[in-house]
All heavy atoms as atom14 arrays in JSON, in Angstrom:
{
  "sequence": "GRSRYLENPPSPAAAAALEAYGEGDPDWMGSHAFQADPNLYP",
  "atom14_mask": [
    [1, 1, 1, 1, 0, 0, 0, 0, 0, 0, 0, 0, 0, 0],
    [1, 1, 1, 1, 1, 1, 1, 1, 1, 1, 1, 0, 0, 0],
    [1, 1, 1, 1, 1, 1, 0, 0, 0, 0, 0, 0, 0, 0],
    [1, 1, 1, 1, 1, 1, 1, 1, 1, 1, 1, 0, 0, 0],
    [1, 1, 1, 1, 1, 1, 1, 1, 1, 1, 1, 1, 0, 0],
    [1, 1, 1, 1, 1, 1, 1, 1, 0, 0, 0, 0, 0, 0],
    [1, 1, 1, 1, 1, 1, 1, 1, 1, 0, 0, 0, 0, 0],
    [1, 1, 1, 1, 1, 1, 1, 1, 0, 0, 0, 0, 0, 0],
    [1, 1, 1, 1, 1, 1, 1, 0, 0, 0, 0, 0, 0, 0],
    [1, 1, 1, 1, 1, 1, 1, 0, 0, 0, 0, 0, 0, 0],
    [1, 1, 1, 1, 1, 1, 0, 0, 0, 0, 0, 0, 0, 0],
    [1, 1, 1, 1, 1, 1, 1, 0, 0, 0, 0, 0, 0, 0],
    [1, 1, 1, 1, 1, 0, 0, 0, 0, 0, 0, 0, 0, 0],
    [1, 1, 1, 1, 1, 0, 0, 0, 0, 0, 0, 0, 0, 0],
    [1, 1, 1, 1, 1, 0, 0, 0, 0, 0, 0, 0, 0, 0],
    [1, 1, 1, 1, 1, 0, 0, 0, 0, 0, 0, 0, 0, 0],
    [1, 1, 1, 1, 1, 0, 0, 0, 0, 0, 0, 0, 0, 0],
    [1, 1, 1, 1, 1, 1, 1, 1, 0, 0, 0, 0, 0, 0],
    [1, 1, 1, 1, 1, 1, 1, 1, 1, 0, 0, 0, 0, 0],
    [1, 1, 1, 1, 1, 0, 0, 0, 0, 0, 0, 0, 0, 0],
    [1, 1, 1, 1, 1, 1, 1, 1, 1, 1, 1, 1, 0, 0],
    [1, 1, 1, 1, 0, 0, 0, 0, 0, 0, 0, 0, 0, 0],
    [1, 1, 1, 1, 1, 1, 1, 1, 1, 0, 0, 0, 0, 0],
    [1, 1, 1, 1, 0, 0, 0, 0, 0, 0, 0, 0, 0, 0],
    [1, 1, 1, 1, 1, 1, 1, 1, 0, 0, 0, 0, 0, 0],
    [1, 1, 1, 1, 1, 1, 1, 0, 0, 0, 0, 0, 0, 0],
    [1, 1, 1, 1, 1, 1, 1, 1, 0, 0, 0, 0, 0, 0],
    [1, 1, 1, 1, 1, 1, 1, 1, 1, 1, 1, 1, 1, 1],
    [1, 1, 1, 1, 1, 1, 1, 1, 0, 0, 0, 0, 0, 0],
    [1, 1, 1, 1, 0, 0, 0, 0, 0, 0, 0, 0, 0, 0],
    [1, 1, 1, 1, 1, 1, 0, 0, 0, 0, 0, 0, 0, 0],
    [1, 1, 1, 1, 1, 1, 1, 1, 1, 1, 0, 0, 0, 0],
    [1, 1, 1, 1, 1, 0, 0, 0, 0, 0, 0, 0, 0, 0],
    [1, 1, 1, 1, 1, 1, 1, 1, 1, 1, 1, 0, 0, 0],
    [1, 1, 1, 1, 1, 1, 1, 1, 1, 0, 0, 0, 0, 0],
    [1, 1, 1, 1, 1, 0, 0, 0, 0, 0, 0, 0, 0, 0],
    [1, 1, 1, 1, 1, 1, 1, 1, 0, 0, 0, 0, 0, 0],
    [1, 1, 1, 1, 1, 1, 1, 0, 0, 0, 0, 0, 0, 0],
    [1, 1, 1, 1, 1, 1, 1, 1, 0, 0, 0, 0, 0, 0],
    [1, 1, 1, 1, 1, 1, 1, 1, 0, 0, 0, 0, 0, 0],
    [1, 1, 1, 1, 1, 1, 1, 1, 1, 1, 1, 1, 0, 0],
    [1, 1, 1, 1, 1, 1, 1, 0, 0, 0, 0, 0, 0, 0]
  ],
  "atom14_positions": [
    [[104.47, 90.26, 85.84], [104.3, 91.4, 86.77], [103.66, 90.94, 88.03], [104.11, 91.39, 89.16], [0.0, 0.0, 0.0], [0.0, 0.0, 0.0], [0.0, 0.0, 0.0], [0.0, 0.0, 0.0], [0.0, 0.0, 0.0], [0.0, 0.0, 0.0], [0.0, 0.0, 0.0], [0.0, 0.0, 0.0], [0.0, 0.0, 0.0], [0.0, 0.0, 0.0]],
    [[102.68, 90.07, 88.0], [102.05, 89.57, 89.19], [102.98, 88.71, 90.0], [102.98, 88.81, 91.27], [100.76, 88.83, 88.84], [100.02, 88.31, 90.08], [98.75, 87.68, 89.65], [98.03, 87.08, 90.82], [97.3, 87.74, 91.71], [97.12, 89.04, 91.52], [96.75, 87.15, 92.76], [0.0, 0.0, 0.0], [0.0, 0.0, 0.0], [0.0, 0.0, 0.0]],
    [[103.82, 87.94, 89.35], [104.78, 87.13, 90.11], [105.8, 88.04, 90.89], [106.07, 87.77, 92.04], [105.58, 86.22, 89.09], [104.67, 85.35, 88.5], [0.0, 0.0, 0.0], [0.0, 0.0, 0.0], [0.0, 0.0, 0.0], [0.0, 0.0, 0.0], [0.0, 0.0, 0.0], [0.0, 0.0, 0.0], [0.0, 0.0, 0.0], [0.0, 0.0, 0.0]],
    [[106.26, 89.05, 90.22], [107.18, 90.02, 90.89], [106.46, 90.72, 92.07], [107.04, 90.87, 93.13], [107.73, 91.05, 89.95], [108.67, 90.53, 88.88], [109.29, 91.66, 88.09], [110.2, 91.21, 87.06], [110.94, 92.05, 86.24], [110.8, 93.35, 86.45], [111.68, 91.55, 85.4], [0.0, 0.0, 0.0], [0.0, 0.0, 0.0], [0.0, 0.0, 0.0]],
    [[105.24, 91.02, 91.86], [104.45, 91.74, 92.9], [104.28, 90.87, 94.15], [104.43, 91.33, 95.28], [103.11, 92.16, 92.37], [102.18, 92.75, 93.35], [102.29, 94.05, 93.79], [101.11, 91.97, 93.86], [101.45, 94.58, 94.74], [100.23, 92.49, 94.8], [100.39, 93.78, 95.26], [99.52, 94.29, 96.18], [0.0, 0.0, 0.0], [0.0, 0.0, 0.0]],
    [[104.02, 89.59, 93.93], [103.76, 88.7, 95.06], [105.05, 88.27, 95.74], [105.09, 87.91, 96.95], [103.06, 87.39, 94.56], [101.53, 87.59, 94.08], [101.03, 86.3, 93.53], [100.71, 88.15, 95.2], [0.0, 0.0, 0.0], [0.0, 0.0, 0.0], [0.0, 0.0, 0.0], [0.0, 0.0, 0.0], [0.0, 0.0, 0.0], [0.0, 0.0, 0.0]],
    [[106.19, 88.34, 95.02], [107.47, 87.93, 95.6], [108.06, 89.02, 96.45], [108.87, 88.71, 97.4], [108.44, 87.53, 94.46], [108.05, 86.22, 93.77], [108.93, 85.99, 92.55], [109.76, 86.83, 92.25], [108.69, 84.88, 91.93], [0.0, 0.0, 0.0], [0.0, 0.0, 0.0], [0.0, 0.0, 0.0], [0.0, 0.0, 0.0], [0.0, 0.0, 0.0]],
    [[107.79, 90.26, 96.21], [108.37, 91.42, 96.84], [107.33, 92.31, 97.51], [106.18, 92.36, 96.91], [109.27, 92.16, 95.93], [110.34, 91.35, 95.22], [111.27, 90.91, 95.86], [110.17, 91.1, 93.91], [0.0, 0.0, 0.0], [0.0, 0.0, 0.0], [0.0, 0.0, 0.0], [0.0, 0.0, 0.0], [0.0, 0.0, 0.0], [0.0, 0.0, 0.0]],
    [[107.58, 93.0, 98.55], [106.66, 93.96, 99.13], [106.37, 95.1, 98.18], [107.26, 95.44, 97.31], [107.36, 94.46, 100.36], [108.83, 94.25, 100.19], [108.89, 92.99, 99.27], [0.0, 0.0, 0.0], [0.0, 0.0, 0.0], [0.0, 0.0, 0.0], [0.0, 0.0, 0.0], [0.0, 0.0, 0.0], [0.0, 0.0, 0.0], [0.0, 0.0, 0.0]],
    [[105.22, 95.68, 98.19], [104.94, 96.78, 97.17], [105.81, 97.99, 97.38], [106.17, 98.35, 98.52], [103.44, 97.12, 97.55], [102.93, 95.97, 98.3], [104.08, 95.38, 98.98], [0.0, 0.0, 0.0], [0.0, 0.0, 0.0], [0.0, 0.0, 0.0], [0.0, 0.0, 0.0], [0.0, 0.0, 0.0], [0.0, 0.0, 0.0], [0.0, 0.0, 0.0]],
    [[106.19, 98.57, 96.3], [107.02, 99.82, 96.31], [106.16, 100.95, 96.75], [104.92, 100.83, 96.83], [107.6, 100.07, 94.91], [106.52, 100.37, 94.07], [0.0, 0.0, 0.0], [0.0, 0.0, 0.0], [0.0, 0.0, 0.0], [0.0, 0.0, 0.0], [0.0, 0.0, 0.0], [0.0, 0.0, 0.0], [0.0, 0.0, 0.0], [0.0, 0.0, 0.0]],
    [[106.78, 102.05, 97.18], [105.92, 103.22, 97.64], [104.96, 103.67, 96.55], [103.8, 104.04, 96.85], [106.96, 104.28, 97.89], [108.26, 103.5, 98.23], [108.16, 102.28, 97.41], [0.0, 0.0, 0.0], [0.0, 0.0, 0.0], [0.0, 0.0, 0.0], [0.0, 0.0, 0.0], [0.0, 0.0, 0.0], [0.0, 0.0, 0.0], [0.0, 0.0, 0.0]],
    [[105.35, 103.59, 95.22], [104.45, 104.02, 94.16], [103.24, 103.05, 94.06], [102.13, 103.44, 93.86], [105.18, 104.07, 92.87], [0.0, 0.0, 0.0], [0.0, 0.0, 0.0], [0.0, 0.0, 0.0], [0.0, 0.0, 0.0], [0.0, 0.0, 0.0], [0.0, 0.0, 0.0], [0.0, 0.0, 0.0], [0.0, 0.0, 0.0], [0.0, 0.0, 0.0]],
    [[103.6, 101.71, 94.22], [102.51, 100.71, 94.14], [101.63, 100.81, 95.35], [100.39, 100.69, 95.21], [103.13, 99.31, 94.12], [0.0, 0.0, 0.0], [0.0, 0.0, 0.0], [0.0, 0.0, 0.0], [0.0, 0.0, 0.0], [0.0, 0.0, 0.0], [0.0, 0.0, 0.0], [0.0, 0.0, 0.0], [0.0, 0.0, 0.0], [0.0, 0.0, 0.0]],
    [[102.15, 101.13, 96.52], [101.35, 101.31, 97.73], [100.41, 102.5, 97.56], [99.23, 102.4, 98.01], [102.23, 101.47, 98.93], [0.0, 0.0, 0.0], [0.0, 0.0, 0.0], [0.0, 0.0, 0.0], [0.0, 0.0, 0.0], [0.0, 0.0, 0.0], [0.0, 0.0, 0.0], [0.0, 0.0, 0.0], [0.0, 0.0, 0.0], [0.0, 0.0, 0.0]],
    [[100.9, 103.57, 96.99], [100.04, 104.77, 96.73], [98.93, 104.42, 95.77], [97.76, 104.87, 95.98], [100.91, 105.92, 96.24], [0.0, 0.0, 0.0], [0.0, 0.0, 0.0], [0.0, 0.0, 0.0], [0.0, 0.0, 0.0], [0.0, 0.0, 0.0], [0.0, 0.0, 0.0], [0.0, 0.0, 0.0], [0.0, 0.0, 0.0], [0.0, 0.0, 0.0]],
    [[99.23, 103.66, 94.75], [98.21, 103.21, 93.81], [97.18, 102.32, 94.43], [95.93, 102.47, 94.23], [98.78, 102.48, 92.64], [0.0, 0.0, 0.0], [0.0, 0.0, 0.0], [0.0, 0.0, 0.0], [0.0, 0.0, 0.0], [0.0, 0.0, 0.0], [0.0, 0.0, 0.0], [0.0, 0.0, 0.0], [0.0, 0.0, 0.0], [0.0, 0.0, 0.0]],
    [[97.56, 101.43, 95.36], [96.68, 100.6, 96.06], [95.74, 101.41, 96.97], [94.57, 101.13, 97.1], [97.44, 99.51, 96.93], [98.13, 98.46, 96.1], [98.92, 97.52, 97.13], [97.1, 97.57, 95.4], [0.0, 0.0, 0.0], [0.0, 0.0, 0.0], [0.0, 0.0, 0.0], [0.0, 0.0, 0.0], [0.0, 0.0, 0.0], [0.0, 0.0, 0.0]],
    [[96.31, 102.47, 97.57], [95.48, 103.31, 98.41], [94.49, 104.05, 97.66], [93.29, 104.26, 98.12], [96.43, 104.33, 99.12], [95.7, 105.21, 100.11], [95.29, 104.51, 101.34], [95.77, 103.47, 101.67], [94.33, 105.03, 102.0], [0.0, 0.0, 0.0], [0.0, 0.0, 0.0], [0.0, 0.0, 0.0], [0.0, 0.0, 0.0], [0.0, 0.0, 0.0]],
    [[94.82, 104.4, 96.37], [93.9, 105.21, 95.53], [92.84, 104.34, 94.89], [91.69, 104.72, 94.67], [94.63, 106.01, 94.51], [0.0, 0.0, 0.0], [0.0, 0.0, 0.0], [0.0, 0.0, 0.0], [0.0, 0.0, 0.0], [0.0, 0.0, 0.0], [0.0, 0.0, 0.0], [0.0, 0.0, 0.0], [0.0, 0.0, 0.0], [0.0, 0.0, 0.0]],
    [[93.23, 103.12, 94.45], [92.36, 102.33, 93.68], [91.84, 101.04, 94.35], [91.04, 100.28, 93.76], [93.14, 101.86, 92.35], [93.38, 102.95, 91.44], [94.56, 103.69, 91.48], [92.4, 103.43, 90.55], [94.8, 104.72, 90.63], [92.61, 104.51, 89.7], [93.85, 105.18, 89.73], [94.08, 106.22, 88.95], [0.0, 0.0, 0.0], [0.0, 0.0, 0.0]],
    [[92.19, 100.82, 95.62], [91.65, 99.7, 96.35], [92.54, 98.47, 96.31], [93.44, 98.29, 95.52], [0.0, 0.0, 0.0], [0.0, 0.0, 0.0], [0.0, 0.0, 0.0], [0.0, 0.0, 0.0], [0.0, 0.0, 0.0], [0.0, 0.0, 0.0], [0.0, 0.0, 0.0], [0.0, 0.0, 0.0], [0.0, 0.0, 0.0], [0.0, 0.0, 0.0]],
    [[92.25, 97.59, 97.26], [93.04, 96.35, 97.44], [92.85, 95.4, 96.28], [93.7, 94.47, 96.14], [92.63, 95.69, 98.73], [92.93, 96.54, 99.98], [92.43, 95.85, 101.27], [91.76, 94.8, 101.11], [92.62, 96.43, 102.32], [0.0, 0.0, 0.0], [0.0, 0.0, 0.0], [0.0, 0.0, 0.0], [0.0, 0.0, 0.0], [0.0, 0.0, 0.0]],
    [[91.75, 95.45, 95.56], [91.54, 94.58, 94.43], [92.21, 95.04, 93.15], [92.07, 94.32, 92.13], [0.0, 0.0, 0.0], [0.0, 0.0, 0.0], [0.0, 0.0, 0.0], [0.0, 0.0, 0.0], [0.0, 0.0, 0.0], [0.0, 0.0, 0.0], [0.0, 0.0, 0.0], [0.0, 0.0, 0.0], [0.0, 0.0, 0.0], [0.0, 0.0, 0.0]],
    [[92.96, 96.11, 93.2], [93.58, 96.61, 91.96], [94.55, 95.61, 91.34], [94.56, 95.5, 90.09], [94.31, 97.89, 92.3], [95.02, 98.51, 91.1], [94.29, 99.01, 90.21], [96.24, 98.43, 91.0], [0.0, 0.0, 0.0], [0.0, 0.0, 0.0], [0.0, 0.0, 0.0], [0.0, 0.0, 0.0], [0.0, 0.0, 0.0], [0.0, 0.0, 0.0]],
    [[95.37, 94.83, 92.04], [96.27, 93.9, 91.37], [95.61, 92.68, 90.7], [96.3, 91.89, 90.1], [97.2, 93.48, 92.47], [97.02, 94.47, 93.56], [95.67, 94.92, 93.51], [0.0, 0.0, 0.0], [0.0, 0.0, 0.0], [0.0, 0.0, 0.0], [0.0, 0.0, 0.0], [0.0, 0.0, 0.0], [0.0, 0.0, 0.0], [0.0, 0.0, 0.0]],
    [[94.25, 92.63, 90.85], [93.56, 91.36, 90.41], [93.19, 91.41, 88.91], [92.52, 90.5, 88.4], [92.31, 91.15, 91.23], [92.65, 90.93, 92.73], [93.77, 90.47, 92.99], [91.75, 91.25, 93.53], [0.0, 0.0, 0.0], [0.0, 0.0, 0.0], [0.0, 0.0, 0.0], [0.0, 0.0, 0.0], [0.0, 0.0, 0.0], [0.0, 0.0, 0.0]],
    [[93.64, 92.43, 88.25], [93.36, 92.48, 86.83], [94.58, 93.03, 86.09], [95.41, 93.7, 86.69], [92.09, 93.25, 86.46], [92.2, 94.76, 86.63], [92.39, 95.47, 87.73], [92.05, 95.72, 85.58], [92.45, 96.82, 87.45], [92.22, 96.95, 86.11], [91.81, 95.6, 84.21], [92.14, 98.13, 85.35], [91.74, 96.78, 83.45], [91.89, 97.98, 84.02]],
    [[94.68, 92.79, 84.83], [95.9, 93.11, 84.02], [96.12, 94.65, 83.92], [97.27, 94.99, 83.59], [95.8, 92.42, 82.69], [94.75, 92.94, 81.76], [94.85, 92.24, 80.11], [94.64, 90.51, 80.48], [0.0, 0.0, 0.0], [0.0, 0.0, 0.0], [0.0, 0.0, 0.0], [0.0, 0.0, 0.0], [0.0, 0.0, 0.0], [0.0, 0.0, 0.0]],
    [[95.11, 95.49, 84.1], [95.34, 96.92, 84.01], [95.69, 97.52, 85.36], [95.4, 98.77, 85.55], [0.0, 0.0, 0.0], [0.0, 0.0, 0.0], [0.0, 0.0, 0.0], [0.0, 0.0, 0.0], [0.0, 0.0, 0.0], [0.0, 0.0, 0.0], [0.0, 0.0, 0.0], [0.0, 0.0, 0.0], [0.0, 0.0, 0.0], [0.0, 0.0, 0.0]],
    [[96.2, 96.8, 86.28], [96.47, 97.26, 87.63], [97.34, 98.6, 87.61], [98.37, 98.67, 87.0], [97.28, 96.16, 88.42], [97.76, 96.68, 89.63], [0.0, 0.0, 0.0], [0.0, 0.0, 0.0], [0.0, 0.0, 0.0], [0.0, 0.0, 0.0], [0.0, 0.0, 0.0], [0.0, 0.0, 0.0], [0.0, 0.0, 0.0], [0.0, 0.0, 0.0]],
    [[96.82, 99.53, 88.32], [97.56, 100.84, 88.41], [98.78, 100.67, 89.33], [99.76, 101.38, 89.16], [96.57, 101.9, 89.03], [95.57, 102.33, 88.09], [95.72, 103.36, 87.16], [94.27, 101.9, 87.87], [94.66, 103.54, 86.45], [93.74, 102.6, 86.85], [0.0, 0.0, 0.0], [0.0, 0.0, 0.0], [0.0, 0.0, 0.0], [0.0, 0.0, 0.0]],
    [[98.71, 99.74, 90.2], [99.95, 99.45, 91.02], [101.06, 98.85, 90.18], [102.27, 99.28, 90.3], [99.59, 98.46, 92.14], [0.0, 0.0, 0.0], [0.0, 0.0, 0.0], [0.0, 0.0, 0.0], [0.0, 0.0, 0.0], [0.0, 0.0, 0.0], [0.0, 0.0, 0.0], [0.0, 0.0, 0.0], [0.0, 0.0, 0.0], [0.0, 0.0, 0.0]],
    [[100.73, 98.06, 89.23], [101.73, 97.47, 88.3], [102.19, 98.56, 87.36], [103.4, 98.54, 87.01], [101.15, 96.35, 87.51], [100.82, 95.14, 88.3], [100.94, 95.09, 89.67], [100.27, 93.98, 87.68], [100.67, 93.97, 90.42], [100.01, 92.85, 88.42], [100.15, 92.82, 89.82], [0.0, 0.0, 0.0], [0.0, 0.0, 0.0], [0.0, 0.0, 0.0]],
    [[101.33, 99.46, 86.99], [101.77, 100.56, 86.1], [102.67, 101.6, 86.8], [103.58, 102.11, 86.23], [100.61, 101.33, 85.56], [99.69, 100.46, 84.65], [98.46, 101.27, 84.13], [98.67, 102.27, 83.46], [97.26, 100.72, 84.41], [0.0, 0.0, 0.0], [0.0, 0.0, 0.0], [0.0, 0.0, 0.0], [0.0, 0.0, 0.0], [0.0, 0.0, 0.0]],
    [[102.44, 101.75, 88.12], [103.18, 102.82, 88.9], [104.48, 102.28, 89.35], [105.46, 103.06, 89.54], [102.35, 103.29, 90.06], [0.0, 0.0, 0.0], [0.0, 0.0, 0.0], [0.0, 0.0, 0.0], [0.0, 0.0, 0.0], [0.0, 0.0, 0.0], [0.0, 0.0, 0.0], [0.0, 0.0, 0.0], [0.0, 0.0, 0.0], [0.0, 0.0, 0.0]],
    [[104.59, 100.96, 89.66], [105.81, 100.42, 90.21], [106.87, 100.41, 89.15], [106.72, 99.7, 88.06], [105.56, 99.02, 90.75], [106.65, 98.53, 91.62], [107.85, 98.82, 91.36], [106.37, 97.77, 92.61], [0.0, 0.0, 0.0], [0.0, 0.0, 0.0], [0.0, 0.0, 0.0], [0.0, 0.0, 0.0], [0.0, 0.0, 0.0], [0.0, 0.0, 0.0]],
    [[108.02, 101.01, 89.26], [109.07, 101.01, 88.24], [109.62, 99.63, 88.0], [110.28, 99.43, 86.9], [110.09, 101.97, 88.75], [109.89, 102.02, 90.26], [108.43, 101.85, 90.46], [0.0, 0.0, 0.0], [0.0, 0.0, 0.0], [0.0, 0.0, 0.0], [0.0, 0.0, 0.0], [0.0, 0.0, 0.0], [0.0, 0.0, 0.0], [0.0, 0.0, 0.0]],
    [[109.48, 98.68, 88.86], [110.03, 97.32, 88.66], [109.02, 96.35, 87.98], [109.38, 95.21, 87.76], [110.45, 96.8, 90.02], [111.56, 97.54, 90.68], [112.51, 97.95, 89.99], [111.48, 97.79, 92.0], [0.0, 0.0, 0.0], [0.0, 0.0, 0.0], [0.0, 0.0, 0.0], [0.0, 0.0, 0.0], [0.0, 0.0, 0.0], [0.0, 0.0, 0.0]],
    [[107.81, 96.91, 87.68], [106.88, 96.01, 87.13], [106.64, 96.36, 85.61], [107.44, 96.15, 84.82], [105.51, 96.05, 87.96], [105.7, 95.6, 89.39], [104.42, 95.67, 90.13], [106.26, 94.2, 89.52], [0.0, 0.0, 0.0], [0.0, 0.0, 0.0], [0.0, 0.0, 0.0], [0.0, 0.0, 0.0], [0.0, 0.0, 0.0], [0.0, 0.0, 0.0]],
    [[105.47, 96.91, 85.29], [105.19, 97.2, 83.88], [106.23, 98.09, 83.17], [106.54, 97.84, 82.02], [103.78, 97.77, 83.74], [102.66, 96.75, 83.78], [102.91, 95.41, 83.97], [101.33, 97.18, 83.63], [101.88, 94.47, 84.02], [100.32, 96.21, 83.64], [100.6, 94.88, 83.89], [99.62, 93.96, 83.88], [0.0, 0.0, 0.0], [0.0, 0.0, 0.0]],
    [[106.73, 99.13, 83.84], [107.72, 99.99, 83.15], [109.01, 99.26, 82.91], [109.78, 99.59, 81.93], [107.98, 101.1, 84.12], [106.72, 101.2, 84.99], [106.26, 99.77, 85.1], [0.0, 0.0, 0.0], [0.0, 0.0, 0.0], [0.0, 0.0, 0.0], [0.0, 0.0, 0.0], [0.0, 0.0, 0.0], [0.0, 0.0, 0.0], [0.0, 0.0, 0.0]]
  ]
}
């Protein structure tokens, strides 16, 4: 999931999660941006 996140710009859902949970959200495995982005954890 982190590889996909770094290779592509954040989706609108991931950007909204980053806005809500902060820029450090992708730095741990429970990232809300990864959970919200349909191309990542789902």
